[in-house]
């Protein structure tokens, strides 16, 4: 099942702060992961930030699933995303 990505305002803000190479890498991987979202996802223990996350290198993409949509809530470096 293919999902559609929806980005929150905070996710757009996170993306704007990244360098060009990282943005391209994240975009490519997110498009790949949307084809089978839960295959690459890990369920978060503390769901206050979101339900699931993808690992893309040193970056994490935190998201929720709503019907056929992946709602991307936050994108950040692994050191800072869970704070």
Protein backbone atom coordinates (compact mmCIF):
# COMPACT_ATOMS: atom_id res chain seq x y z
CA UNK A 1 0.00 0.00 0.00
CA UNK A 2 1.35 3.40 -0.97
CA UNK A 3 0.88 6.25 1.47
CA UNK A 4 0.78 9.98 0.87
CA UNK A 5 3.00 12.28 2.92
CA UNK A 6 1.52 15.25 4.77
CA UNK A 7 3.92 17.65 6.50
CA UNK A 8 3.15 19.76 9.55
CA UNK A 9 4.38 23.35 9.86
CA UNK A 10 7.01 22.27 12.36
CA UNK A 11 8.27 19.59 9.94
CA UNK A 12 8.66 22.23 7.21
CA UNK A 13 10.56 24.41 9.67
CA UNK A 14 12.85 21.48 10.51
CA UNK A 15 13.49 20.81 6.80
CA UNK A 16 14.33 24.45 6.05
CA UNK A 17 17.16 24.35 8.60
CA UNK A 18 18.93 21.40 6.92
CA UNK A 19 21.68 21.57 4.31
CA UNK A 20 20.96 20.74 0.64
CA UNK A 21 22.61 17.30 0.63
CA UNK A 22 20.68 16.17 3.70
CA UNK A 23 17.40 17.48 2.26
CA UNK A 24 17.90 15.47 -0.95
CA UNK A 25 18.78 12.32 0.98
CA UNK A 26 15.75 12.65 3.27
CA UNK A 27 13.42 13.33 0.32
CA UNK A 28 14.64 10.26 -1.57
CA UNK A 29 14.32 7.96 1.46
CA UNK A 30 10.91 9.30 2.53
CA UNK A 31 9.56 8.66 -0.99
CA UNK A 32 10.96 5.12 -0.82
CA UNK A 33 9.57 4.49 2.66
CA UNK A 34 6.09 5.73 1.69
CA UNK A 35 5.65 2.63 -0.49
CA UNK A 36 5.58 0.41 2.59
CA UNK A 37 5.69 2.69 5.61
CA UNK A 38 5.49 0.22 8.47
CA UNK A 39 8.15 -2.10 7.04
CA UNK A 40 10.85 0.50 7.82
CA UNK A 41 9.16 2.14 10.80
CA UNK A 42 9.81 1.60 14.47
CA UNK A 43 7.03 2.21 16.98
CA UNK A 44 7.96 4.78 19.60
CA UNK A 45 7.58 3.85 23.26
CA UNK A 46 6.67 7.38 24.36
CA UNK A 47 4.04 8.55 21.88
CA UNK A 48 3.93 12.18 23.02
CA UNK A 49 6.15 13.09 20.04
CA UNK A 50 4.50 10.73 17.53
CA UNK A 51 3.61 7.09 16.95
CA UNK A 52 6.44 5.93 14.67
CA UNK A 53 9.86 6.92 13.41
CA UNK A 54 12.08 6.22 10.44
CA UNK A 55 15.85 6.18 10.71
CA UNK A 56 17.65 7.88 7.82
CA UNK A 57 21.35 8.00 8.65
CA UNK A 58 21.78 10.25 11.67
CA UNK A 59 18.34 11.78 11.18
CA UNK A 60 14.96 10.69 12.46
CA UNK A 61 11.56 11.30 10.89
CA UNK A 62 8.75 11.12 13.46
CA UNK A 63 5.29 10.50 12.05
CA UNK A 64 1.75 9.29 12.66
CA UNK A 65 -0.45 7.18 10.38
CA UNK A 66 -3.91 8.56 9.53
CA UNK A 67 -5.79 6.30 7.07
CA UNK A 68 -3.72 6.44 3.84
CA UNK A 69 -1.60 9.37 4.97
CA UNK A 70 1.71 9.58 6.74
CA UNK A 71 1.63 12.77 8.79
CA UNK A 72 5.26 13.83 9.25
CA UNK A 73 5.48 15.66 12.57
CA UNK A 74 9.16 16.29 13.13
CA UNK A 75 12.51 15.78 11.40
CA UNK A 76 15.81 16.17 13.19
CA UNK A 77 19.22 14.88 14.13
CA UNK A 78 19.15 11.87 16.41
CA UNK A 79 20.86 13.80 19.24
CA UNK A 80 18.22 16.52 19.36
CA UNK A 81 14.92 15.09 18.13
CA UNK A 82 13.73 13.43 21.33
CA UNK A 83 14.43 16.42 23.61
